[in-house]
Protein backbone atom coordinates (compact mmCIF):
# COMPACT_ATOMS: atom_id res chain seq x y z
CA MET A 1 33.28 22.41 4.73
CA ASP A 2 31.74 19.09 3.67
CA LYS A 3 32.25 15.75 5.43
CA LYS A 4 34.63 14.40 2.79
CA ASN A 5 37.08 17.29 3.12
CA ASN A 6 36.77 17.29 6.90
CA HIS A 7 37.61 13.58 7.05
CA LYS A 8 40.66 14.06 4.80
CA GLN A 9 41.94 16.90 6.95
CA SER A 10 41.49 14.88 10.15
CA GLN A 11 44.47 12.63 9.23
CA PRO A 12 46.96 14.86 7.39
CA ASN A 13 50.01 12.95 8.68
CA ASN A 14 48.73 9.44 7.97
CA PRO A 15 50.53 8.19 4.82
CA LEU A 16 47.98 5.38 4.41
CA HIS A 17 44.94 7.63 4.60
CA GLY A 18 42.83 7.22 1.48
CA VAL A 19 45.09 4.53 0.00
CA LYS A 20 43.44 1.19 -0.74
CA LEU A 21 45.16 -2.09 0.02
CA ILE A 22 44.88 -3.16 -3.62
CA ASP A 23 46.71 0.01 -4.70
CA ILE A 24 49.46 -0.62 -2.14
CA LEU A 25 49.88 -4.21 -3.26
CA GLU A 26 49.90 -3.37 -6.98
CA LEU A 27 52.51 -0.65 -6.49
CA LEU A 28 54.75 -2.94 -4.41
CA VAL A 29 54.50 -5.77 -6.94
CA GLU A 30 55.30 -3.37 -9.76
CA HIS A 31 58.29 -1.96 -7.88
CA TYR A 32 59.73 -5.09 -6.25
CA GLY A 33 58.14 -8.06 -8.02
CA TRP A 34 56.77 -11.12 -6.21
CA GLU A 35 60.15 -12.74 -5.58
CA GLU A 36 61.62 -9.69 -3.83
CA MET A 37 58.42 -9.15 -1.86
CA ALA A 38 58.58 -12.77 -0.66
CA ARG A 39 62.19 -12.19 0.38
CA ARG A 40 61.28 -9.04 2.30
CA ILE A 41 58.03 -10.38 3.80
CA ASN A 42 58.11 -14.14 4.35
CA ILE A 43 54.51 -15.13 3.66
CA ASN A 44 53.33 -17.97 1.43
CA CYS A 45 50.92 -15.87 -0.63
CA PHE A 46 53.98 -14.06 -2.04
CA LYS A 47 56.00 -17.26 -2.56
CA ASN A 48 53.65 -19.94 -3.87
CA ASP A 49 51.73 -19.08 -7.05
CA PRO A 50 51.30 -15.42 -6.05
CA SER A 51 48.44 -13.27 -7.27
CA ILE A 52 46.86 -9.98 -6.29
CA LYS A 53 43.57 -11.73 -5.51
CA SER A 54 45.01 -14.38 -3.17
CA SER A 55 47.30 -11.86 -1.48
CA LEU A 56 44.42 -9.44 -0.85
CA LYS A 57 42.34 -12.23 0.67
CA PHE A 58 45.17 -13.24 3.00
CA LEU A 59 46.17 -9.69 3.96
CA ARG A 60 42.58 -8.64 4.74
CA ARG A 61 42.26 -11.40 7.34
CA THR A 62 45.82 -11.36 8.70
CA PRO A 63 46.59 -8.08 10.50
CA TRP A 64 50.27 -8.80 11.20
CA ALA A 65 50.96 -9.49 7.52
CA ARG A 66 49.00 -6.45 6.38
CA ASP A 67 51.00 -4.34 8.83
CA LYS A 68 54.26 -5.54 7.28
CA VAL A 69 53.00 -4.77 3.77
CA GLU A 70 51.87 -1.31 4.84
CA ARG A 71 55.25 -0.63 6.47
CA LEU A 72 57.05 -1.71 3.29
CA TYR A 73 54.81 0.66 1.31
CA ILE A 74 55.47 3.57 3.68
CA ASN A 75 59.19 2.86 3.57
CA LEU A 76 59.12 2.89 -0.24
CA MET A 77 57.07 6.10 -0.40
CA THR A 78 59.34 7.91 2.06
CA GLY A 79 62.49 6.98 0.18
CA GLY A 80 63.72 4.21 2.45
CA GLY A 81 63.01 1.24 0.24
């Protein structure tokens, strides 16, 4: 077994494994739109002149906000959102 397959199998129950933050954000924006995302997660990068680029920058340096975005994504993917 090669390293790539071994790494994938090491986290079979992690819904975020192998999913990039940009992919999460793009899917959420497509599904909810910026206005609904700002309502669900009260952060300025979703409210004031939102963009993928500015949101990624903020989320990469703000763990609590990234955690909320990841939880919203998991909720959506598991049928709760």
